[in-house]
Amino acid sequence: DLLIEAVSFKRSFAEKNLAAIELDIK
């Protein structure tokens, strides 16, 4: 399903952003 793929893509993108932010804080 295209919608599900978009949601999973946004989720992985958000997780990568969170990881980058955590690295910046440290």
PDB file of N, CA and C in Angstrom:
ATOM      1  N   ASP A   1       0.856  -1.200   0.000  1.00  0.00           N
ATOM      2  CA  ASP A   1       0.000   0.000   0.000  1.00  0.00           C
ATOM      3  C   ASP A   1       0.889   1.246   0.000  1.00  0.00           C
ATOM      4  N   LEU A   2       0.575   2.193  -0.856  1.00  0.00           N
ATOM      5  CA  LEU A   2       1.405   3.398  -0.970  1.00  0.00           C
ATOM      6  C   LEU A   2       1.386   4.217   0.314  1.00  0.00           C
ATOM      7  N   LEU A   3       0.214   4.327   0.939  1.00  0.00           N
ATOM      8  CA  LEU A   3       0.109   5.125   2.156  1.00  0.00           C
ATOM      9  C   LEU A   3       0.986   4.540   3.257  1.00  0.00           C
ATOM     10  N   ILE A   4       0.945   3.210   3.406  1.00  0.00           N
ATOM     11  CA  ILE A   4       1.754   2.560   4.444  1.00  0.00           C
ATOM     12  C   ILE A   4       3.237   2.790   4.168  1.00  0.00           C
ATOM     13  N   GLU A   5       3.632   2.726   2.900  1.00  0.00           N
ATOM     14  CA  GLU A   5       5.040   2.950   2.569  1.00  0.00           C
ATOM     15  C   GLU A   5       5.451   4.370   2.940  1.00  0.00           C
ATOM     16  N   ALA A   6       4.570   5.337   2.698  1.00  0.00           N
ATOM     17  CA  ALA A   6       4.884   6.725   3.025  1.00  0.00           C
ATOM     18  C   ALA A   6       5.044   6.894   4.535  1.00  0.00           C
ATOM     19  N   VAL A   7       4.164   6.249   5.294  1.00  0.00           N
ATOM     20  CA  VAL A   7       4.240   6.369   6.758  1.00  0.00           C
ATOM     21  C   VAL A   7       5.537   5.757   7.273  1.00  0.00           C
ATOM     22  N   SER A   8       5.888   4.572   6.784  1.00  0.00           N
ATOM     23  CA  SER A   8       7.112   3.920   7.256  1.00  0.00           C
ATOM     24  C   SER A   8       8.328   4.742   6.848  1.00  0.00           C
ATOM     25  N   PHE A   9       8.268   5.368   5.663  1.00  0.00           N
ATOM     26  CA  PHE A   9       9.387   6.201   5.205  1.00  0.00           C
ATOM     27  C   PHE A   9       9.537   7.411   6.114  1.00  0.00           C
ATOM     28  N   LYS A  10       8.425   8.063   6.437  1.00  0.00           N
ATOM     29  CA  LYS A  10       8.493   9.230   7.325  1.00  0.00           C
ATOM     30  C   LYS A  10       9.010   8.812   8.697  1.00  0.00           C
ATOM     31  N   ARG A  11       8.588   7.634   9.161  1.00  0.00           N
ATOM     32  CA  ARG A  11       9.011   7.176  10.489  1.00  0.00           C
ATOM     33  C   ARG A  11      10.520   6.957  10.513  1.00  0.00           C
ATOM     34  N   SER A  12      11.057   6.287   9.497  1.00  0.00           N
ATOM     35  CA  SER A  12      12.500   6.038   9.464  1.00  0.00           C
ATOM     36  C   SER A  12      13.244   7.357   9.326  1.00  0.00           C
ATOM     37  N   PHE A  13      12.694   8.301   8.563  1.00  0.00           N
ATOM     38  CA  PHE A  13      13.330   9.604   8.390  1.00  0.00           C
ATOM     39  C   PHE A  13      13.366  10.346   9.722  1.00  0.00           C
ATOM     40  N   ALA A  14      12.258  10.298  10.472  1.00  0.00           N
ATOM     41  CA  ALA A  14      12.196  10.970  11.768  1.00  0.00           C
ATOM     42  C   ALA A  14      13.186  10.339  12.743  1.00  0.00           C
ATOM     43  N   GLU A  15      13.302   9.001  12.716  1.00  0.00           N
ATOM     44  CA  GLU A  15      14.245   8.332  13.614  1.00  0.00           C
ATOM     45  C   GLU A  15      15.673   8.754  13.290  1.00  0.00           C
ATOM     46  N   LYS A  16      15.995   8.905  11.992  1.00  0.00           N
ATOM     47  CA  LYS A  16      17.341   9.338  11.614  1.00  0.00           C
ATOM     48  C   LYS A  16      17.580  10.761  12.107  1.00  0.00           C
ATOM     49  N   ASN A  17      16.559  11.624  12.015  1.00  0.00           N
ATOM     50  CA  ASN A  17      16.713  12.997  12.484  1.00  0.00           C
ATOM     51  C   ASN A  17      16.945  13.010  13.993  1.00  0.00           C
ATOM     52  N   LEU A  18      16.196  12.181  14.739  1.00  0.00           N
ATOM     53  CA  LEU A  18      16.370  12.126  16.187  1.00  0.00           C
ATOM     54  C   LEU A  18      17.775  11.661  16.528  1.00  0.00           C
ATOM     55  N   ALA A  19      18.277  10.662  15.810  1.00  0.00           N
ATOM     56  CA  ALA A  19      19.624  10.157  16.072  1.00  0.00           C
ATOM     57  C   ALA A  19      20.645  11.253  15.806  1.00  0.00           C
ATOM     58  N   ALA A  20      20.460  12.019  14.745  1.00  0.00           N
ATOM     59  CA  ALA A  20      21.390  13.102  14.423  1.00  0.00           C
ATOM     60  C   ALA A  20      21.343  14.172  15.505  1.00  0.00           C
ATOM     61  N   ILE A  21      20.156  14.482  15.996  1.00  0.00           N
ATOM     62  CA  ILE A  21      20.030  15.493  17.052  1.00  0.00           C
ATOM     63  C   ILE A  21      20.730  15.014  18.317  1.00  0.00           C
ATOM     64  N   GLU A  22      20.545  13.741  18.668  1.00  0.00           N
ATOM     65  CA  GLU A  22      21.193  13.210  19.871  1.00  0.00           C
ATOM     66  C   GLU A  22      22.702  13.286  19.728  1.00  0.00           C
ATOM     67  N   LEU A  23      23.222  12.994  18.533  1.00  0.00           N
ATOM     68  CA  LEU A  23      24.671  13.064  18.328  1.00  0.00           C
ATOM     69  C   LEU A  23      25.146  14.505  18.464  1.00  0.00           C
ATOM     70  N   ASP A  24      24.360  15.465  17.982  1.00  0.00           N
ATOM     71  CA  ASP A  24      24.751  16.871  18.080  1.00  0.00           C
ATOM     72  C   ASP A  24      24.800  17.314  19.540  1.00  0.00           C
ATOM     73  N   ILE A  25      23.868  16.814  20.355  1.00  0.00           N
ATOM     74  CA  ILE A  25      23.818  17.223  21.763  1.00  0.00           C
ATOM     75  C   ILE A  25      25.049  16.713  22.511  1.00  0.00           C
ATOM     76  N   LYS A  26      25.476  15.482  22.199  1.00  0.00           N
ATOM     77  CA  LYS A  26      26.597  14.887  22.926  1.00  0.00           C
ATOM     78  C   LYS A  26      27.909  15.598  22.595  1.00  0.00           C
TER      79      LYS A  26
END
